[in-house]
Every structure is written in structure tokens, then in C-alpha cells.
Amino acid sequence: MNNRVLLAALAGGVAFFLLGWLVWGILLMDMMRDMNPQLEGVEKNPPDMLLIFLSSLVSGLFTALLFSRWAGINTFMGGLIAGAWVFGLISLSFDLMFLATTNVVSPGGAVLDVVANVAVGALVGGVVGWALGYKRAG
């Protein structure tokens, strides 16, 4: 693993953390709670921000490794498209499994979660793709 991949992973992790805070922590928080009232008593309040940040870094590393080693993605647009697909499909898979096996998520909450993951995954994928292809002047 080279420095470019590590820097792209860090950039992706920070982007995941900040976008996750904006999307799920601010924009969709009340709507997700209204759609999933069964979360009462299940979610931590306050959440463990260190663990959320570590999770974001792992997602950034996953994205950087996937793009650099197997997909050859090194542009913002390539990362945007791939990030939307990858994180949309991962989210759809998990949300379908949660719908099938638990009462933690409602169908509407699952759809909203997939749409949010497509948007966040696309932007993070774009950041990682850009970071992998970044060329310093000079």
C-alpha cells in the first residue's frame, strides 16, 4: 500500500465522517426517527464519535483499496459513479437483510437509507478517485 492510497483513504474517511454527520446526523435525523420509531432504546445517546470516525476511516480505506487495486479509478467522475454503485448496493443488501430479520428498520426508512448512501457514497467515491489521481504541480 503506497502513500497515495493512504492519503486517499484518509480523505475518504474524513469525507465519510463529515457527510455522515451532515446527512444522517442533521438532515435526516428526525425523519429517520419518525420512520423507525422502534429505534427508541436501541440507539446510543450520545453516540461514540471515536468509533464512528474509525468506521469512517475503514470505509475510506475500503474505497481507496477497491478503486486503486481492482478498479483502476483515479478521477472524481469515475469515483462518483463507482461510489454510488458500491455503497448503494452495500446499503441495499444490509437494509434488505435488516428488513427480513429485525424490526429495527421500516421499509420507508430502508429506502431513505439507500438513497442517502448512494449520495454519500458517490461524493466520497469522487473524493477518493480525485485523491488517487491527484498530480502535484511542479
N, C-alpha and C. Protein backbone atom coordinates (compact mmCIF):
# COMPACT_ATOMS: atom_id res chain seq x y z
N MET A 1 0.86 -1.17 0.00
CA MET A 1 0.00 0.00 0.00
C MET A 1 0.90 1.23 0.00
N ASN A 2 0.67 2.13 -0.94
CA ASN A 2 1.53 3.30 -1.04
C ASN A 2 0.90 4.53 -0.37
N ASN A 3 1.69 5.61 -0.33
CA ASN A 3 1.23 6.83 0.34
C ASN A 3 0.00 7.43 -0.32
N ARG A 4 -0.11 7.32 -1.65
CA ARG A 4 -1.26 7.88 -2.35
C ARG A 4 -2.55 7.18 -1.89
N VAL A 5 -2.49 5.86 -1.74
CA VAL A 5 -3.66 5.11 -1.29
C VAL A 5 -4.01 5.50 0.15
N LEU A 6 -3.00 5.64 0.99
CA LEU A 6 -3.25 6.03 2.38
C LEU A 6 -3.85 7.43 2.47
N LEU A 7 -3.34 8.35 1.66
CA LEU A 7 -3.91 9.71 1.66
C LEU A 7 -5.33 9.72 1.11
N ALA A 8 -5.58 8.92 0.07
CA ALA A 8 -6.94 8.82 -0.47
C ALA A 8 -7.87 8.20 0.56
N ALA A 9 -7.37 7.20 1.31
CA ALA A 9 -8.17 6.58 2.36
C ALA A 9 -8.50 7.58 3.46
N LEU A 10 -7.52 8.38 3.84
CA LEU A 10 -7.75 9.40 4.86
C LEU A 10 -8.76 10.44 4.37
N ALA A 11 -8.59 10.90 3.12
CA ALA A 11 -9.53 11.87 2.55
C ALA A 11 -10.94 11.28 2.49
N GLY A 12 -11.04 10.02 2.06
CA GLY A 12 -12.34 9.36 2.02
C GLY A 12 -12.94 9.19 3.40
N GLY A 13 -12.12 8.82 4.37
CA GLY A 13 -12.61 8.64 5.74
C GLY A 13 -13.14 9.93 6.34
N VAL A 14 -12.40 11.01 6.13
CA VAL A 14 -12.85 12.31 6.64
C VAL A 14 -14.14 12.73 5.93
N ALA A 15 -14.20 12.50 4.62
CA ALA A 15 -15.41 12.83 3.86
C ALA A 15 -16.60 12.01 4.36
N PHE A 16 -16.40 10.71 4.60
CA PHE A 16 -17.47 9.87 5.15
C PHE A 16 -17.95 10.41 6.49
N PHE A 17 -17.02 10.74 7.35
CA PHE A 17 -17.37 11.22 8.69
C PHE A 17 -18.19 12.52 8.59
N LEU A 18 -17.71 13.48 7.83
CA LEU A 18 -18.38 14.77 7.74
C LEU A 18 -19.72 14.67 7.01
N LEU A 19 -19.75 13.93 5.91
CA LEU A 19 -21.01 13.77 5.17
C LEU A 19 -22.02 12.96 5.97
N GLY A 20 -21.55 11.94 6.70
CA GLY A 20 -22.44 11.16 7.55
C GLY A 20 -23.07 12.02 8.63
N TRP A 21 -22.25 12.87 9.24
CA TRP A 21 -22.76 13.80 10.25
C TRP A 21 -23.82 14.72 9.63
N LEU A 22 -23.52 15.26 8.45
CA LEU A 22 -24.45 16.18 7.80
C LEU A 22 -25.74 15.46 7.39
N VAL A 23 -25.61 14.33 6.70
CA VAL A 23 -26.78 13.64 6.15
C VAL A 23 -27.60 12.95 7.23
N TRP A 24 -26.97 12.02 8.00
CA TRP A 24 -27.74 11.25 8.98
C TRP A 24 -27.85 11.97 10.32
N GLY A 25 -26.86 12.78 10.66
CA GLY A 25 -26.87 13.45 11.96
C GLY A 25 -27.65 14.74 11.99
N ILE A 26 -27.87 15.35 10.84
CA ILE A 26 -28.60 16.63 10.82
C ILE A 26 -29.81 16.56 9.89
N LEU A 27 -29.55 16.35 8.58
CA LEU A 27 -30.63 16.45 7.59
C LEU A 27 -31.71 15.38 7.75
N LEU A 28 -31.32 14.14 8.01
CA LEU A 28 -32.29 13.04 8.04
C LEU A 28 -32.60 12.52 9.44
N MET A 29 -31.99 13.07 10.46
CA MET A 29 -32.12 12.50 11.80
C MET A 29 -33.58 12.40 12.24
N ASP A 30 -34.32 13.47 12.19
CA ASP A 30 -35.71 13.45 12.65
C ASP A 30 -36.57 12.56 11.75
N MET A 31 -36.35 12.63 10.45
CA MET A 31 -37.13 11.83 9.53
C MET A 31 -36.88 10.33 9.75
N MET A 32 -35.61 9.96 9.95
CA MET A 32 -35.29 8.55 10.19
C MET A 32 -35.90 8.08 11.51
N ARG A 33 -35.89 8.91 12.53
CA ARG A 33 -36.51 8.54 13.81
C ARG A 33 -38.02 8.37 13.66
N ASP A 34 -38.64 9.27 12.88
CA ASP A 34 -40.09 9.16 12.66
C ASP A 34 -40.44 7.90 11.87
N MET A 35 -39.59 7.54 10.90
CA MET A 35 -39.85 6.36 10.08
C MET A 35 -39.49 5.05 10.79
N ASN A 36 -38.64 5.14 11.80
CA ASN A 36 -38.17 3.95 12.52
C ASN A 36 -38.33 4.14 14.03
N PRO A 37 -39.58 4.26 14.52
CA PRO A 37 -39.77 4.51 15.96
C PRO A 37 -39.26 3.37 16.84
N GLN A 38 -39.10 2.20 16.27
CA GLN A 38 -38.60 1.05 17.03
C GLN A 38 -37.15 1.21 17.45
N LEU A 39 -36.46 2.25 16.96
CA LEU A 39 -35.08 2.51 17.37
C LEU A 39 -34.99 3.07 18.79
N GLU A 40 -36.11 3.53 19.32
CA GLU A 40 -36.15 4.06 20.68
C GLU A 40 -35.60 3.01 21.65
N GLY A 41 -34.60 3.38 22.38
CA GLY A 41 -33.99 2.47 23.33
C GLY A 41 -32.88 1.60 22.74
N VAL A 42 -32.73 1.60 21.43
CA VAL A 42 -31.69 0.79 20.78
C VAL A 42 -30.45 1.63 20.48
N GLU A 43 -30.68 2.86 20.03
CA GLU A 43 -29.54 3.70 19.66
C GLU A 43 -28.88 4.30 20.89
N LYS A 44 -27.57 4.50 20.80
CA LYS A 44 -26.82 5.14 21.88
C LYS A 44 -27.02 6.64 21.81
N ASN A 45 -27.18 7.25 22.97
CA ASN A 45 -27.31 8.69 23.02
C ASN A 45 -26.49 9.21 24.19
N PRO A 46 -25.35 9.84 23.94
CA PRO A 46 -24.80 10.19 22.64
C PRO A 46 -24.04 9.02 22.01
N PRO A 47 -23.90 9.05 20.70
CA PRO A 47 -23.12 8.00 20.02
C PRO A 47 -21.64 8.14 20.33
N ASP A 48 -20.91 7.07 20.14
CA ASP A 48 -19.46 7.07 20.35
C ASP A 48 -18.79 7.62 19.10
N MET A 49 -18.41 8.89 19.15
CA MET A 49 -17.87 9.57 17.97
C MET A 49 -16.52 9.00 17.52
N LEU A 50 -15.72 8.51 18.45
CA LEU A 50 -14.45 7.90 18.07
C LEU A 50 -14.70 6.65 17.22
N LEU A 51 -15.63 5.82 17.63
CA LEU A 51 -15.94 4.63 16.84
C LEU A 51 -16.55 4.98 15.49
N ILE A 52 -17.35 6.02 15.44
CA ILE A 52 -17.91 6.47 14.15
C ILE A 52 -16.78 6.94 13.25
N PHE A 53 -15.82 7.68 13.80
CA PHE A 53 -14.69 8.15 12.99
C PHE A 53 -13.85 6.97 12.51
N LEU A 54 -13.59 5.99 13.38
CA LEU A 54 -12.83 4.80 12.96
C LEU A 54 -13.57 4.03 11.88
N SER A 55 -14.87 3.90 12.01
CA SER A 55 -15.68 3.26 10.98
C SER A 55 -15.55 4.01 9.65
N SER A 56 -15.58 5.32 9.70
CA SER A 56 -15.43 6.14 8.51
C SER A 56 -14.07 5.93 7.86
N LEU A 57 -13.02 5.84 8.68
CA LEU A 57 -11.67 5.59 8.14
C LEU A 57 -11.59 4.22 7.46
N VAL A 58 -12.22 3.22 8.06
CA VAL A 58 -12.23 1.89 7.44
C VAL A 58 -12.97 1.94 6.09
N SER A 59 -14.07 2.65 6.03
CA SER A 59 -14.80 2.80 4.77
C SER A 59 -13.96 3.54 3.73
N GLY A 60 -13.22 4.56 4.17
CA GLY A 60 -12.33 5.26 3.26
C GLY A 60 -11.23 4.36 2.74
N LEU A 61 -10.66 3.53 3.61
CA LEU A 61 -9.62 2.58 3.19
C LEU A 61 -10.19 1.54 2.23
N PHE A 62 -11.37 1.02 2.54
CA PHE A 62 -12.04 0.07 1.65
C PHE A 62 -12.19 0.68 0.26
N THR A 63 -12.68 1.90 0.20
CA THR A 63 -12.91 2.58 -1.08
C THR A 63 -11.60 2.81 -1.82
N ALA A 64 -10.58 3.29 -1.11
CA ALA A 64 -9.29 3.56 -1.75
C ALA A 64 -8.65 2.27 -2.28
N LEU A 65 -8.71 1.20 -1.51
CA LEU A 65 -8.15 -0.07 -1.98
C LEU A 65 -8.93 -0.63 -3.17
N LEU A 66 -10.23 -0.59 -3.08
CA LEU A 66 -11.07 -1.07 -4.18
C LEU A 66 -10.79 -0.30 -5.46
N PHE A 67 -10.75 1.01 -5.35
CA PHE A 67 -10.54 1.84 -6.53
C PHE A 67 -9.13 1.70 -7.09
N SER A 68 -8.12 1.67 -6.22
CA SER A 68 -6.74 1.68 -6.70
C SER A 68 -6.27 0.30 -7.16
N ARG A 69 -6.61 -0.74 -6.44
CA ARG A 69 -6.07 -2.08 -6.75
C ARG A 69 -6.89 -2.86 -7.76
N TRP A 70 -8.21 -2.71 -7.73
CA TRP A 70 -9.03 -3.58 -8.57
C TRP A 70 -9.80 -2.84 -9.65
N ALA A 71 -10.14 -1.59 -9.44
CA ALA A 71 -10.97 -0.89 -10.42
C ALA A 71 -10.19 0.12 -11.25
N GLY A 72 -9.01 0.51 -10.82
CA GLY A 72 -8.22 1.48 -11.58
C GLY A 72 -8.88 2.84 -11.68
N ILE A 73 -9.62 3.24 -10.67
CA ILE A 73 -10.32 4.53 -10.69
C ILE A 73 -9.41 5.60 -10.11
N ASN A 74 -9.22 6.68 -10.86
CA ASN A 74 -8.38 7.77 -10.38
C ASN A 74 -8.87 9.14 -10.86
N THR A 75 -10.19 9.27 -11.02
CA THR A 75 -10.78 10.56 -11.36
C THR A 75 -11.99 10.80 -10.45
N PHE A 76 -12.36 12.05 -10.31
CA PHE A 76 -13.52 12.38 -9.50
C PHE A 76 -14.78 11.74 -10.08
N MET A 77 -14.98 11.87 -11.38
CA MET A 77 -16.20 11.36 -12.00
C MET A 77 -16.26 9.83 -11.95
N GLY A 78 -15.14 9.18 -12.19
CA GLY A 78 -15.10 7.72 -12.07
C GLY A 78 -15.42 7.27 -10.65
N GLY A 79 -14.86 7.97 -9.67
CA GLY A 79 -15.14 7.65 -8.28
C GLY A 79 -16.57 7.94 -7.89
N LEU A 80 -17.12 9.02 -8.43
CA LEU A 80 -18.51 9.40 -8.15
C LEU A 80 -19.46 8.28 -8.58
N ILE A 81 -19.29 7.80 -9.79
CA ILE A 81 -20.16 6.75 -10.33
C ILE A 81 -19.96 5.44 -9.57
N ALA A 82 -18.71 5.04 -9.39
CA ALA A 82 -18.43 3.78 -8.70
C ALA A 82 -18.87 3.84 -7.24
N GLY A 83 -18.64 4.97 -6.58
CA GLY A 83 -19.05 5.11 -5.18
C GLY A 83 -20.56 4.99 -5.01
N ALA A 84 -21.32 5.57 -5.94
CA ALA A 84 -22.77 5.47 -5.88
C ALA A 84 -23.20 4.00 -6.00
N TRP A 85 -22.64 3.29 -6.96
CA TRP A 85 -22.98 1.88 -7.15
C TRP A 85 -22.56 1.03 -5.95
N VAL A 86 -21.32 1.15 -5.54
CA VAL A 86 -20.80 0.29 -4.48
C VAL A 86 -21.57 0.50 -3.18
N PHE A 87 -21.69 1.74 -2.74
CA PHE A 87 -22.33 1.98 -1.46
C PHE A 87 -23.85 1.87 -1.53
N GLY A 88 -24.42 2.13 -2.69
CA GLY A 88 -25.85 1.89 -2.87
C GLY A 88 -26.18 0.41 -2.76
N LEU A 89 -25.38 -0.43 -3.42
CA LEU A 89 -25.63 -1.88 -3.37
C LEU A 89 -25.34 -2.46 -1.99
N ILE A 90 -24.27 -2.01 -1.35
CA ILE A 90 -23.98 -2.48 0.01
C ILE A 90 -25.13 -2.10 0.94
N SER A 91 -25.58 -0.87 0.86
CA SER A 91 -26.68 -0.41 1.71
C SER A 91 -27.96 -1.18 1.42
N LEU A 92 -28.26 -1.40 0.16
CA LEU A 92 -29.46 -2.15 -0.20
C LEU A 92 -29.40 -3.57 0.37
N SER A 93 -28.24 -4.19 0.27
CA SER A 93 -28.07 -5.53 0.81
C SER A 93 -28.31 -5.56 2.31
N PHE A 94 -27.68 -4.66 3.05
CA PHE A 94 -27.85 -4.62 4.50
C PHE A 94 -29.28 -4.27 4.89
N ASP A 95 -29.86 -3.27 4.24
CA ASP A 95 -31.22 -2.87 4.60
C ASP A 95 -32.23 -3.97 4.31
N LEU A 96 -32.07 -4.68 3.21
CA LEU A 96 -32.97 -5.81 2.93
C LEU A 96 -32.83 -6.89 4.00
N MET A 97 -31.60 -7.16 4.42
CA MET A 97 -31.39 -8.16 5.47
C MET A 97 -32.00 -7.70 6.79
N PHE A 98 -31.84 -6.41 7.13
CA PHE A 98 -32.46 -5.89 8.35
C PHE A 98 -33.98 -5.98 8.27
N LEU A 99 -34.54 -5.66 7.10
CA LEU A 99 -35.99 -5.77 6.94
C LEU A 99 -36.46 -7.21 7.10
N ALA A 100 -35.67 -8.15 6.61
CA ALA A 100 -36.05 -9.56 6.66
C ALA A 100 -35.92 -10.17 8.04
N THR A 101 -34.99 -9.66 8.84
CA THR A 101 -34.64 -10.37 10.08
C THR A 101 -34.86 -9.59 11.37
N THR A 102 -35.18 -8.30 11.29
CA THR A 102 -35.34 -7.50 12.50
C THR A 102 -36.53 -6.55 12.38
N ASN A 103 -36.80 -5.87 13.47
CA ASN A 103 -37.79 -4.79 13.47
C ASN A 103 -37.10 -3.44 13.66
N VAL A 104 -35.84 -3.36 13.31
CA VAL A 104 -35.06 -2.16 13.55
C VAL A 104 -35.29 -1.10 12.48
N VAL A 105 -35.66 -1.50 11.28
CA VAL A 105 -35.84 -0.54 10.19
C VAL A 105 -37.18 -0.79 9.52
N SER A 106 -37.82 0.30 9.09
CA SER A 106 -39.07 0.20 8.35
C SER A 106 -38.77 0.21 6.86
N PRO A 107 -39.73 -0.21 6.02
CA PRO A 107 -39.47 -0.14 4.58
C PRO A 107 -39.14 1.28 4.10
N GLY A 108 -39.86 2.27 4.60
CA GLY A 108 -39.57 3.65 4.20
C GLY A 108 -38.20 4.10 4.68
N GLY A 109 -37.84 3.71 5.90
CA GLY A 109 -36.52 4.04 6.42
C GLY A 109 -35.42 3.38 5.62
N ALA A 110 -35.67 2.15 5.17
CA ALA A 110 -34.68 1.44 4.36
C ALA A 110 -34.47 2.14 3.02
N VAL A 111 -35.55 2.54 2.39
CA VAL A 111 -35.43 3.25 1.10
C VAL A 111 -34.67 4.56 1.28
N LEU A 112 -35.03 5.30 2.31
CA LEU A 112 -34.34 6.56 2.58
C LEU A 112 -32.85 6.33 2.85
N ASP A 113 -32.54 5.28 3.59
CA ASP A 113 -31.15 4.95 3.89
C ASP A 113 -30.37 4.62 2.62
N VAL A 114 -30.97 3.86 1.72
CA VAL A 114 -30.28 3.50 0.47
C VAL A 114 -30.03 4.76 -0.37
N VAL A 115 -31.03 5.61 -0.48
CA VAL A 115 -30.87 6.85 -1.25
C VAL A 115 -29.76 7.71 -0.65
N ALA A 116 -29.75 7.83 0.68
CA ALA A 116 -28.71 8.62 1.34
C ALA A 116 -27.33 8.00 1.12
N ASN A 117 -27.24 6.67 1.17
CA ASN A 117 -25.96 6.00 0.95
C ASN A 117 -25.48 6.17 -0.49
N VAL A 118 -26.37 6.19 -1.44
CA VAL A 118 -25.98 6.44 -2.83
C VAL A 118 -25.36 7.83 -2.94
N ALA A 119 -26.01 8.82 -2.33
CA ALA A 119 -25.49 10.20 -2.40
C ALA A 119 -24.16 10.34 -1.69
N VAL A 120 -24.08 9.86 -0.46
CA VAL A 120 -22.83 9.97 0.31
C VAL A 120 -21.74 9.14 -0.35
N GLY A 121 -22.06 7.92 -0.76
CA GLY A 121 -21.07 7.06 -1.42
C GLY A 121 -20.54 7.67 -2.70
N ALA A 122 -21.41 8.33 -3.45
CA ALA A 122 -20.97 8.98 -4.67
C ALA A 122 -19.96 10.09 -4.37
N LEU A 123 -20.29 10.94 -3.41
CA LEU A 123 -19.39 12.06 -3.09
C LEU A 123 -18.06 11.57 -2.51
N VAL A 124 -18.13 10.58 -1.63
CA VAL A 124 -16.90 10.03 -1.06
C VAL A 124 -16.09 9.35 -2.17
N GLY A 125 -16.75 8.59 -3.02
CA GLY A 125 -16.06 7.96 -4.14
C GLY A 125 -15.38 8.99 -5.03
N GLY A 126 -16.04 10.11 -5.24
CA GLY A 126 -15.43 11.19 -6.02
C GLY A 126 -14.19 11.74 -5.36
N VAL A 127 -14.26 11.93 -4.05
CA VAL A 127 -13.09 12.44 -3.30
C VAL A 127 -11.94 11.44 -3.39
N VAL A 128 -12.23 10.16 -3.19
CA VAL A 128 -11.19 9.14 -3.24
C VAL A 128 -10.61 9.04 -4.65
N GLY A 129 -11.46 9.02 -5.66
CA GLY A 129 -10.98 8.98 -7.04
C GLY A 129 -10.10 10.17 -7.37
N TRP A 130 -10.52 11.35 -6.94
CA TRP A 130 -9.71 12.55 -7.17
C TRP A 130 -8.36 12.44 -6.47
N ALA A 131 -8.39 11.99 -5.21
CA ALA A 131 -7.14 11.89 -4.44
C ALA A 131 -6.19 10.87 -5.06
N LEU A 132 -6.74 9.79 -5.60
CA LEU A 132 -5.87 8.77 -6.23
C LEU A 132 -5.24 9.29 -7.51
N GLY A 133 -5.92 10.19 -8.21
CA GLY A 133 -5.40 10.71 -9.48
C GLY A 133 -4.74 12.06 -9.38
N TYR A 134 -4.72 12.65 -8.18
CA TYR A 134 -4.16 13.98 -7.99
C TYR A 134 -2.70 14.03 -8.41
N LYS A 135 -2.36 15.03 -9.20
CA LYS A 135 -0.97 15.22 -9.62
C LYS A 135 -0.51 16.58 -9.12
N ARG A 136 0.55 16.56 -8.35
CA ARG A 136 1.10 17.82 -7.82
C ARG A 136 1.73 18.64 -8.92
N ALA A 137 1.56 19.93 -8.83
CA ALA A 137 2.23 20.84 -9.77
C ALA A 137 3.69 20.89 -9.44
N GLY A 138 4.49 21.02 -10.46
CA GLY A 138 5.89 21.21 -10.19
C GLY A 138 6.70 20.18 -10.79
